[in-house]
Amino acid sequence: MREARIGDNGGPPLEDEPEEDAGTRSWKGWIWRKKHKAVWKTPPREIALRRLERAEALGMTYREYTLELFERGRHPDGKKAGGAG
């Protein structure tokens, strides 16, 4: 069993498993990997370029920007969360 870390939601590891372990994968693990792949599917070109442009303007990577979008449900605007404003 792996050690839980801050922010860990208890799901299975998403890394690829060795081919010989393919028959022992759990159903939950298979679903997690499938959903992870679907969420991180490359969006249409125009959306990806817009996200990249906004990310660079905020000093973030595309992946950081997209992760923030997924976690918060809104586009990052460069303001600190929870701050006065």
PDB file of N, CA and C in Angstrom:
ATOM      1  N   MET A   1       0.846  -1.173   0.000  1.00  0.00           N
ATOM      2  CA  MET A   1       0.000   0.000   0.000  1.00  0.00           C
ATOM      3  C   MET A   1       0.892   1.237   0.000  1.00  0.00           C
ATOM      4  N   ARG A   2       0.512   2.242  -0.777  1.00  0.00           N
ATOM      5  CA  ARG A   2       1.326   3.442  -0.873  1.00  0.00           C
ATOM      6  C   ARG A   2       0.958   4.441   0.204  1.00  0.00           C
ATOM      7  N   GLU A   3       1.913   5.307   0.499  1.00  0.00           N
ATOM      8  CA  GLU A   3       1.736   6.313   1.541  1.00  0.00           C
ATOM      9  C   GLU A   3       0.864   7.453   1.027  1.00  0.00           C
ATOM     10  N   ALA A   4      -0.118   7.876   1.833  1.00  0.00           N
ATOM     11  CA  ALA A   4      -0.983   8.995   1.455  1.00  0.00           C
ATOM     12  C   ALA A   4      -0.229  10.303   1.624  1.00  0.00           C
ATOM     13  N   ARG A   5      -0.454  11.216   0.719  1.00  0.00           N
ATOM     14  CA  ARG A   5       0.184  12.529   0.761  1.00  0.00           C
ATOM     15  C   ARG A   5      -0.882  13.608   0.772  1.00  0.00           C
ATOM     16  N   ILE A   6      -0.487  14.829   1.098  1.00  0.00           N
ATOM     17  CA  ILE A   6      -1.414  15.953   1.073  1.00  0.00           C
ATOM     18  C   ILE A   6      -1.984  16.081  -0.332  1.00  0.00           C
ATOM     19  N   GLY A   7      -3.292  16.187  -0.426  1.00  0.00           N
ATOM     20  CA  GLY A   7      -3.959  16.309  -1.718  1.00  0.00           C
ATOM     21  C   GLY A   7      -4.287  14.980  -2.370  1.00  0.00           C
ATOM     22  N   ASP A   8      -3.898  13.879  -1.747  1.00  0.00           N
ATOM     23  CA  ASP A   8      -4.170  12.554  -2.294  1.00  0.00           C
ATOM     24  C   ASP A   8      -5.629  12.203  -2.040  1.00  0.00           C
ATOM     25  N   ASN A   9      -6.346  11.886  -3.095  1.00  0.00           N
ATOM     26  CA  ASN A   9      -7.753  11.551  -2.934  1.00  0.00           C
ATOM     27  C   ASN A   9      -7.991  10.045  -2.807  1.00  0.00           C
ATOM     28  N   GLY A  10      -6.948   9.278  -2.638  1.00  0.00           N
ATOM     29  CA  GLY A  10      -7.095   7.851  -2.392  1.00  0.00           C
ATOM     30  C   GLY A  10      -7.248   6.996  -3.632  1.00  0.00           C
ATOM     31  N   GLY A  11      -7.103   7.589  -4.785  1.00  0.00           N
ATOM     32  CA  GLY A  11      -7.232   6.813  -6.019  1.00  0.00           C
ATOM     33  C   GLY A  11      -5.979   6.011  -6.305  1.00  0.00           C
ATOM     34  N   PRO A  12      -6.083   5.064  -7.232  1.00  0.00           N
ATOM     35  CA  PRO A  12      -4.929   4.242  -7.579  1.00  0.00           C
ATOM     36  C   PRO A  12      -3.898   5.053  -8.355  1.00  0.00           C
ATOM     37  N   PRO A  13      -2.644   4.608  -8.402  1.00  0.00           N
ATOM     38  CA  PRO A  13      -1.641   5.315  -9.191  1.00  0.00           C
ATOM     39  C   PRO A  13      -2.022   5.309 -10.669  1.00  0.00           C
ATOM     40  N   LEU A  14      -1.731   6.396 -11.363  1.00  0.00           N
ATOM     41  CA  LEU A  14      -2.118   6.506 -12.769  1.00  0.00           C
ATOM     42  C   LEU A  14      -0.988   6.142 -13.728  1.00  0.00           C
ATOM     43  N   GLU A  15       0.179   5.814 -13.186  1.00  0.00           N
ATOM     44  CA  GLU A  15       1.300   5.443 -14.030  1.00  0.00           C
ATOM     45  C   GLU A  15       0.982   4.125 -14.735  1.00  0.00           C
ATOM     46  N   ASP A  16       1.605   3.945 -15.885  1.00  0.00           N
ATOM     47  CA  ASP A  16       1.431   2.684 -16.611  1.00  0.00           C
ATOM     48  C   ASP A  16       2.001   1.536 -15.788  1.00  0.00           C
ATOM     49  N   GLU A  17       1.272   0.444 -15.778  1.00  0.00           N
ATOM     50  CA  GLU A  17       1.718  -0.741 -15.061  1.00  0.00           C
ATOM     51  C   GLU A  17       2.423  -1.673 -16.035  1.00  0.00           C
ATOM     52  N   PRO A  18       3.320  -2.511 -15.543  1.00  0.00           N
ATOM     53  CA  PRO A  18       3.988  -3.459 -16.425  1.00  0.00           C
ATOM     54  C   PRO A  18       2.978  -4.345 -17.146  1.00  0.00           C
ATOM     55  N   GLU A  19       3.310  -4.746 -18.350  1.00  0.00           N
ATOM     56  CA  GLU A  19       2.400  -5.534 -19.179  1.00  0.00           C
ATOM     57  C   GLU A  19       1.981  -6.836 -18.507  1.00  0.00           C
ATOM     58  N   GLU A  20       2.880  -7.475 -17.745  1.00  0.00           N
ATOM     59  CA  GLU A  20       2.530  -8.746 -17.114  1.00  0.00           C
ATOM     60  C   GLU A  20       1.492  -8.581 -16.004  1.00  0.00           C
ATOM     61  N   ASP A  21       1.323  -7.342 -15.495  1.00  0.00           N
ATOM     62  CA  ASP A  21       0.329  -7.099 -14.455  1.00  0.00           C
ATOM     63  C   ASP A  21      -1.033  -6.710 -15.030  1.00  0.00           C
ATOM     64  N   ALA A  22      -1.159  -6.705 -16.341  1.00  0.00           N
ATOM     65  CA  ALA A  22      -2.401  -6.260 -16.973  1.00  0.00           C
ATOM     66  C   ALA A  22      -3.605  -7.070 -16.516  1.00  0.00           C
ATOM     67  N   GLY A  23      -3.435  -8.348 -16.248  1.00  0.00           N
ATOM     68  CA  GLY A  23      -4.553  -9.181 -15.827  1.00  0.00           C
ATOM     69  C   GLY A  23      -4.949  -8.970 -14.382  1.00  0.00           C
ATOM     70  N   THR A  24      -4.124  -8.295 -13.589  1.00  0.00           N
ATOM     71  CA  THR A  24      -4.423  -8.103 -12.173  1.00  0.00           C
ATOM     72  C   THR A  24      -4.869  -6.683 -11.847  1.00  0.00           C
ATOM     73  N   ARG A  25      -5.045  -5.861 -12.844  1.00  0.00           N
ATOM     74  CA  ARG A  25      -5.492  -4.493 -12.602  1.00  0.00           C
ATOM     75  C   ARG A  25      -6.906  -4.495 -12.024  1.00  0.00           C
ATOM     76  N   SER A  26      -7.136  -3.574 -11.118  1.00  0.00           N
ATOM     77  CA  SER A  26      -8.469  -3.485 -10.534  1.00  0.00           C
ATOM     78  C   SER A  26      -9.394  -2.711 -11.462  1.00  0.00           C
ATOM     79  N   TRP A  27     -10.671  -2.925 -11.295  1.00  0.00           N
ATOM     80  CA  TRP A  27     -11.682  -2.207 -12.066  1.00  0.00           C
ATOM     81  C   TRP A  27     -11.573  -0.707 -11.784  1.00  0.00           C
ATOM     82  N   LYS A  28     -11.414  -0.352 -10.505  1.00  0.00           N
ATOM     83  CA  LYS A  28     -11.304   1.054 -10.122  1.00  0.00           C
ATOM     84  C   LYS A  28     -10.098   1.708 -10.790  1.00  0.00           C
ATOM     85  N   GLY A  29      -8.991   0.998 -10.813  1.00  0.00           N
ATOM     86  CA  GLY A  29      -7.798   1.523 -11.461  1.00  0.00           C
ATOM     87  C   GLY A  29      -7.992   1.736 -12.943  1.00  0.00           C
ATOM     88  N   TRP A  30      -8.687   0.795 -13.581  1.00  0.00           N
ATOM     89  CA  TRP A  30      -8.947   0.912 -15.014  1.00  0.00           C
ATOM     90  C   TRP A  30      -9.816   2.132 -15.288  1.00  0.00           C
ATOM     91  N   ILE A  31     -10.856   2.332 -14.490  1.00  0.00           N
ATOM     92  CA  ILE A  31     -11.746   3.484 -14.665  1.00  0.00           C
ATOM     93  C   ILE A  31     -10.980   4.790 -14.447  1.00  0.00           C
ATOM     94  N   TRP A  32     -10.144   4.844 -13.404  1.00  0.00           N
ATOM     95  CA  TRP A  32      -9.352   6.040 -13.134  1.00  0.00           C
ATOM     96  C   TRP A  32      -8.455   6.367 -14.319  1.00  0.00           C
ATOM     97  N   ARG A  33      -7.763   5.390 -14.838  1.00  0.00           N
ATOM     98  CA  ARG A  33      -6.871   5.646 -15.976  1.00  0.00           C
ATOM     99  C   ARG A  33      -7.657   6.120 -17.193  1.00  0.00           C
ATOM    100  N   LYS A  34      -8.809   5.523 -17.430  1.00  0.00           N
ATOM    101  CA  LYS A  34      -9.638   5.915 -18.574  1.00  0.00           C
ATOM    102  C   LYS A  34     -10.117   7.364 -18.424  1.00  0.00           C
ATOM    103  N   LYS A  35     -10.593   7.725 -17.239  1.00  0.00           N
ATOM    104  CA  LYS A  35     -11.077   9.091 -17.008  1.00  0.00           C
ATOM    105  C   LYS A  35      -9.934  10.100 -17.049  1.00  0.00           C
ATOM    106  N   HIS A  36      -8.776   9.736 -16.499  1.00  0.00           N
ATOM    107  CA  HIS A  36      -7.608  10.623 -16.529  1.00  0.00           C
ATOM    108  C   HIS A  36      -7.218  10.916 -17.976  1.00  0.00           C
ATOM    109  N   LYS A  37      -7.205   9.881 -18.792  1.00  0.00           N
ATOM    110  CA  LYS A  37      -6.857  10.046 -20.205  1.00  0.00           C
ATOM    111  C   LYS A  37      -7.883  10.936 -20.907  1.00  0.00           C
ATOM    112  N   ALA A  38      -9.165  10.760 -20.595  1.00  0.00           N
ATOM    113  CA  ALA A  38     -10.221  11.548 -21.233  1.00  0.00           C
ATOM    114  C   ALA A  38     -10.127  13.021 -20.845  1.00  0.00           C
ATOM    115  N   VAL A  39      -9.842  13.298 -19.579  1.00  0.00           N
ATOM    116  CA  VAL A  39      -9.753  14.681 -19.112  1.00  0.00           C
ATOM    117  C   VAL A  39      -8.578  15.400 -19.760  1.00  0.00           C
ATOM    118  N   TRP A  40      -7.439  14.724 -19.878  1.00  0.00           N
ATOM    119  CA  TRP A  40      -6.251  15.358 -20.424  1.00  0.00           C
ATOM    120  C   TRP A  40      -6.145  15.220 -21.941  1.00  0.00           C
ATOM    121  N   LYS A  41      -7.228  14.795 -22.596  1.00  0.00           N
ATOM    122  CA  LYS A  41      -7.238  14.716 -24.054  1.00  0.00           C
ATOM    123  C   LYS A  41      -6.991  16.119 -24.620  1.00  0.00           C
ATOM    124  N   THR A  42      -6.196  16.200 -25.649  1.00  0.00           N
ATOM    125  CA  THR A  42      -5.874  17.490 -26.251  1.00  0.00           C
ATOM    126  C   THR A  42      -7.138  18.125 -26.817  1.00  0.00           C
ATOM    127  N   PRO A  43      -7.423  19.374 -26.400  1.00  0.00           N
ATOM    128  CA  PRO A  43      -8.610  20.064 -26.908  1.00  0.00           C
ATOM    129  C   PRO A  43      -8.383  20.524 -28.348  1.00  0.00           C
ATOM    130  N   PRO A  44      -9.422  21.052 -28.978  1.00  0.00           N
ATOM    131  CA  PRO A  44      -9.236  21.596 -30.328  1.00  0.00           C
ATOM    132  C   PRO A  44      -8.116  22.643 -30.346  1.00  0.00           C
ATOM    133  N   ARG A  45      -7.486  22.799 -31.486  1.00  0.00           N
ATOM    134  CA  ARG A  45      -6.308  23.658 -31.640  1.00  0.00           C
ATOM    135  C   ARG A  45      -6.523  25.069 -31.098  1.00  0.00           C
ATOM    136  N   GLU A  46      -7.663  25.684 -31.427  1.00  0.00           N
ATOM    137  CA  GLU A  46      -7.929  27.054 -31.013  1.00  0.00           C
ATOM    138  C   GLU A  46      -7.967  27.181 -29.487  1.00  0.00           C
ATOM    139  N   ILE A  47      -8.574  26.219 -28.812  1.00  0.00           N
ATOM    140  CA  ILE A  47      -8.664  26.246 -27.355  1.00  0.00           C
ATOM    141  C   ILE A  47      -7.291  26.046 -26.731  1.00  0.00           C
ATOM    142  N   ALA A  48      -6.534  25.089 -27.261  1.00  0.00           N
ATOM    143  CA  ALA A  48      -5.192  24.826 -26.729  1.00  0.00           C
ATOM    144  C   ALA A  48      -4.297  26.057 -26.893  1.00  0.00           C
ATOM    145  N   LEU A  49      -4.360  26.714 -28.031  1.00  0.00           N
ATOM    146  CA  LEU A  49      -3.543  27.905 -28.258  1.00  0.00           C
ATOM    147  C   LEU A  49      -3.964  29.051 -27.346  1.00  0.00           C
ATOM    148  N   ARG A  50      -5.265  29.208 -27.109  1.00  0.00           N
ATOM    149  CA  ARG A  50      -5.752  30.251 -26.216  1.00  0.00           C
ATOM    150  C   ARG A  50      -5.282  29.980 -24.784  1.00  0.00           C
ATOM    151  N   ARG A  51      -5.375  28.726 -24.342  1.00  0.00           N
ATOM    152  CA  ARG A  51      -4.901  28.376 -22.998  1.00  0.00           C
ATOM    153  C   ARG A  51      -3.401  28.623 -22.872  1.00  0.00           C
ATOM    154  N   LEU A  52      -2.640  28.243 -23.887  1.00  0.00           N
ATOM    155  CA  LEU A  52      -1.193  28.447 -23.868  1.00  0.00           C
ATOM    156  C   LEU A  52      -0.855  29.934 -23.786  1.00  0.00           C
ATOM    157  N   GLU A  53      -1.539  30.755 -24.559  1.00  0.00           N
ATOM    158  CA  GLU A  53      -1.306  32.198 -24.545  1.00  0.00           C
ATOM    159  C   GLU A  53      -1.603  32.789 -23.170  1.00  0.00           C
ATOM    160  N   ARG A  54      -2.736  32.394 -22.582  1.00  0.00           N
ATOM    161  CA  ARG A  54      -3.094  32.899 -21.247  1.00  0.00           C
ATOM    162  C   ARG A  54      -2.108  32.408 -20.189  1.00  0.00           C
ATOM    163  N   ALA A  55      -1.688  31.153 -20.310  1.00  0.00           N
ATOM    164  CA  ALA A  55      -0.737  30.591 -19.351  1.00  0.00           C
ATOM    165  C   ALA A  55       0.580  31.343 -19.389  1.00  0.00           C
ATOM    166  N   GLU A  56       1.088  31.603 -20.582  1.00  0.00           N
ATOM    167  CA  GLU A  56       2.349  32.331 -20.717  1.00  0.00           C
ATOM    168  C   GLU A  56       2.229  33.746 -20.166  1.00  0.00           C
ATOM    169  N   ALA A  57       1.079  34.385 -20.358  1.00  0.00           N
ATOM    170  CA  ALA A  57       0.869  35.733 -19.843  1.00  0.00           C
ATOM    171  C   ALA A  57       0.876  35.758 -18.312  1.00  0.00           C
ATOM    172  N   LEU A  58       0.472  34.645 -17.696  1.00  0.00           N
ATOM    173  CA  LEU A  58       0.448  34.546 -16.235  1.00  0.00           C
ATOM    174  C   LEU A  58       1.714  33.929 -15.667  1.00  0.00           C
ATOM    175  N   GLY A  59       2.656  33.548 -16.544  1.00  0.00           N
ATOM    176  CA  GLY A  59       3.905  32.938 -16.094  1.00  0.00           C
ATOM    177  C   GLY A  59       3.727  31.491 -15.662  1.00  0.00           C
ATOM    178  N   MET A  60       2.780  30.803 -16.267  1.00  0.00           N
ATOM    179  CA  MET A  60       2.497  29.405 -15.937  1.00  0.00           C
ATOM    180  C   MET A  60       2.779  28.540 -17.153  1.00  0.00           C
ATOM    181  N   THR A  61       2.912  27.230 -16.910  1.00  0.00           N
ATOM    182  CA  THR A  61       2.993  26.302 -18.031  1.00  0.00           C
ATOM    183  C   THR A  61       1.574  25.972 -18.481  1.00  0.00           C
ATOM    184  N   TYR A  62       1.462  25.412 -19.671  1.00  0.00           N
ATOM    185  CA  TYR A  62       0.149  25.001 -20.180  1.00  0.00           C
ATOM    186  C   TYR A  62      -0.490  24.003 -19.225  1.00  0.00           C
ATOM    187  N   ARG A  63       0.299  23.036 -18.754  1.00  0.00           N
ATOM    188  CA  ARG A  63      -0.243  22.014 -17.860  1.00  0.00           C
ATOM    189  C   ARG A  63      -0.709  22.612 -16.532  1.00  0.00           C
ATOM    190  N   GLU A  64       0.065  23.532 -15.946  1.00  0.00           N
ATOM    191  CA  GLU A  64      -0.336  24.198 -14.703  1.00  0.00           C
ATOM    192  C   GLU A  64      -1.638  24.975 -14.898  1.00  0.00           C
ATOM    193  N   TYR A  65      -1.730  25.693 -16.003  1.00  0.00           N
ATOM    194  CA  TYR A  65      -2.914  26.490 -16.302  1.00  0.00           C
ATOM    195  C   TYR A  65      -4.135  25.585 -16.450  1.00  0.00           C
ATOM    196  N   THR A  66      -3.983  24.514 -17.218  1.00  0.00           N
ATOM    197  CA  THR A  66      -5.090  23.595 -17.454  1.00  0.00           C
ATOM    198  C   THR A  66      -5.514  22.899 -16.164  1.00  0.00           C
ATOM    199  N   LEU A  67      -4.548  22.499 -15.347  1.00  0.00           N
ATOM    200  CA  LEU A  67      -4.867  21.868 -14.070  1.00  0.00           C
ATOM    201  C   LEU A  67      -5.651  22.829 -13.182  1.00  0.00           C
ATOM    202  N   GLU A  68      -5.244  24.071 -13.147  1.00  0.00           N
ATOM    203  CA  GLU A  68      -5.967  25.085 -12.362  1.00  0.00           C
ATOM    204  C   GLU A  68      -7.391  25.243 -12.893  1.00  0.00           C
ATOM    205  N   LEU A  69      -7.543  25.241 -14.184  1.00  0.00           N
ATOM    206  CA  LEU A  69      -8.865  25.327 -14.807  1.00  0.00           C
ATOM    207  C   LEU A  69      -9.728  24.138 -14.399  1.00  0.00           C
ATOM    208  N   PHE A  70      -9.173  22.944 -14.420  1.00  0.00           N
ATOM    209  CA  PHE A  70      -9.918  21.742 -14.035  1.00  0.00           C
ATOM    210  C   PHE A  70     -10.287  21.760 -12.558  1.00  0.00           C
ATOM    211  N   GLU A  71      -9.341  22.163 -11.699  1.00  0.00           N
ATOM    212  CA  GLU A  71      -9.570  22.139 -10.258  1.00  0.00           C
ATOM    213  C   GLU A  71     -10.557  23.198  -9.805  1.00  0.00           C
ATOM    214  N   ARG A  72     -10.466  24.407 -10.361  1.00  0.00           N
ATOM    215  CA  ARG A  72     -11.296  25.524  -9.895  1.00  0.00           C
ATOM    216  C   ARG A  72     -12.573  25.693 -10.707  1.00  0.00           C
ATOM    217  N   GLY A  73     -12.575  25.192 -11.927  1.00  0.00           N
ATOM    218  CA  GLY A  73     -13.757  25.357 -12.771  1.00  0.00           C
ATOM    219  C   GLY A  73     -13.854  26.736 -13.401  1.00  0.00           C
ATOM    220  N   ARG A  74     -12.753  27.470 -13.374  1.00  0.00           N
ATOM    221  CA  ARG A  74     -12.706  28.792 -13.996  1.00  0.00           C
ATOM    222  C   ARG A  74     -11.287  29.054 -14.483  1.00  0.00           C
ATOM    223  N   HIS A  75     -11.163  30.002 -15.394  1.00  0.00           N
ATOM    224  CA  HIS A  75      -9.844  30.332 -15.914  1.00  0.00           C
ATOM    225  C   HIS A  75      -9.064  31.129 -14.888  1.00  0.00           C
ATOM    226  N   PRO A  76      -7.799  30.768 -14.646  1.00  0.00           N
ATOM    227  CA  PRO A  76      -6.966  31.536 -13.715  1.00  0.00           C
ATOM    228  C   PRO A  76      -6.812  32.969 -14.213  1.00  0.00           C
ATOM    229  N   ASP A  77      -6.808  33.917 -13.271  1.00  0.00           N
ATOM    230  CA  ASP A  77      -6.677  35.322 -13.655  1.00  0.00           C
ATOM    231  C   ASP A  77      -5.459  35.994 -13.047  1.00  0.00           C
ATOM    232  N   GLY A  78      -4.622  35.220 -12.336  1.00  0.00           N
ATOM    233  CA  GLY A  78      -3.410  35.772 -11.753  1.00  0.00           C
ATOM    234  C   GLY A  78      -3.580  36.296 -10.343  1.00  0.00           C
ATOM    235  N   LYS A  79      -4.822  36.358  -9.847  1.00  0.00           N
ATOM    236  CA  LYS A  79      -5.071  36.823  -8.486  1.00  0.00           C
ATOM    237  C   LYS A  79      -4.932  35.646  -7.526  1.00  0.00           C
ATOM    238  N   LYS A  80      -4.475  35.924  -6.326  1.00  0.00           N
ATOM    239  CA  LYS A  80      -4.367  34.879  -5.299  1.00  0.00           C
ATOM    240  C   LYS A  80      -5.759  34.493  -4.816  1.00  0.00           C
ATOM    241  N   ALA A  81      -5.993  33.196  -4.640  1.00  0.00           N
ATOM    242  CA  ALA A  81      -7.283  32.729  -4.126  1.00  0.00           C
ATOM    243  C   ALA A  81      -7.438  33.144  -2.674  1.00  0.00           C
ATOM    244  N   GLY A  82      -8.623  33.592  -2.317  1.00  0.00           N
ATOM    245  CA  GLY A  82      -8.913  33.929  -0.932  1.00  0.00           C
ATOM    246  C   GLY A  82      -8.435  35.298  -0.500  1.00  0.00           C
ATOM    247  N   GLY A  83      -7.782  36.023  -1.391  1.00  0.00           N
ATOM    248  CA  GLY A  83      -7.273  37.345  -1.035  1.00  0.00           C
ATOM    249  C   GLY A  83      -8.353  38.409  -1.144  1.00  0.00           C
ATOM    250  N   ALA A  84      -8.099  39.556  -0.555  1.00  0.00           N
ATOM    251  CA  ALA A  84      -9.035  40.677  -0.656  1.00  0.00           C
ATOM    252  C   ALA A  84      -8.994  41.219  -2.069  1.00  0.00           C
ATOM    253  N   GLY A  85     -10.139  41.572  -2.575  1.00  0.00           N
ATOM    254  CA  GLY A  85     -10.067  42.090  -3.926  1.00  0.00           C
ATOM    255  C   GLY A  85     -11.342  42.407  -4.425  1.00  0.00           C
TER     256      GLY A  85
END
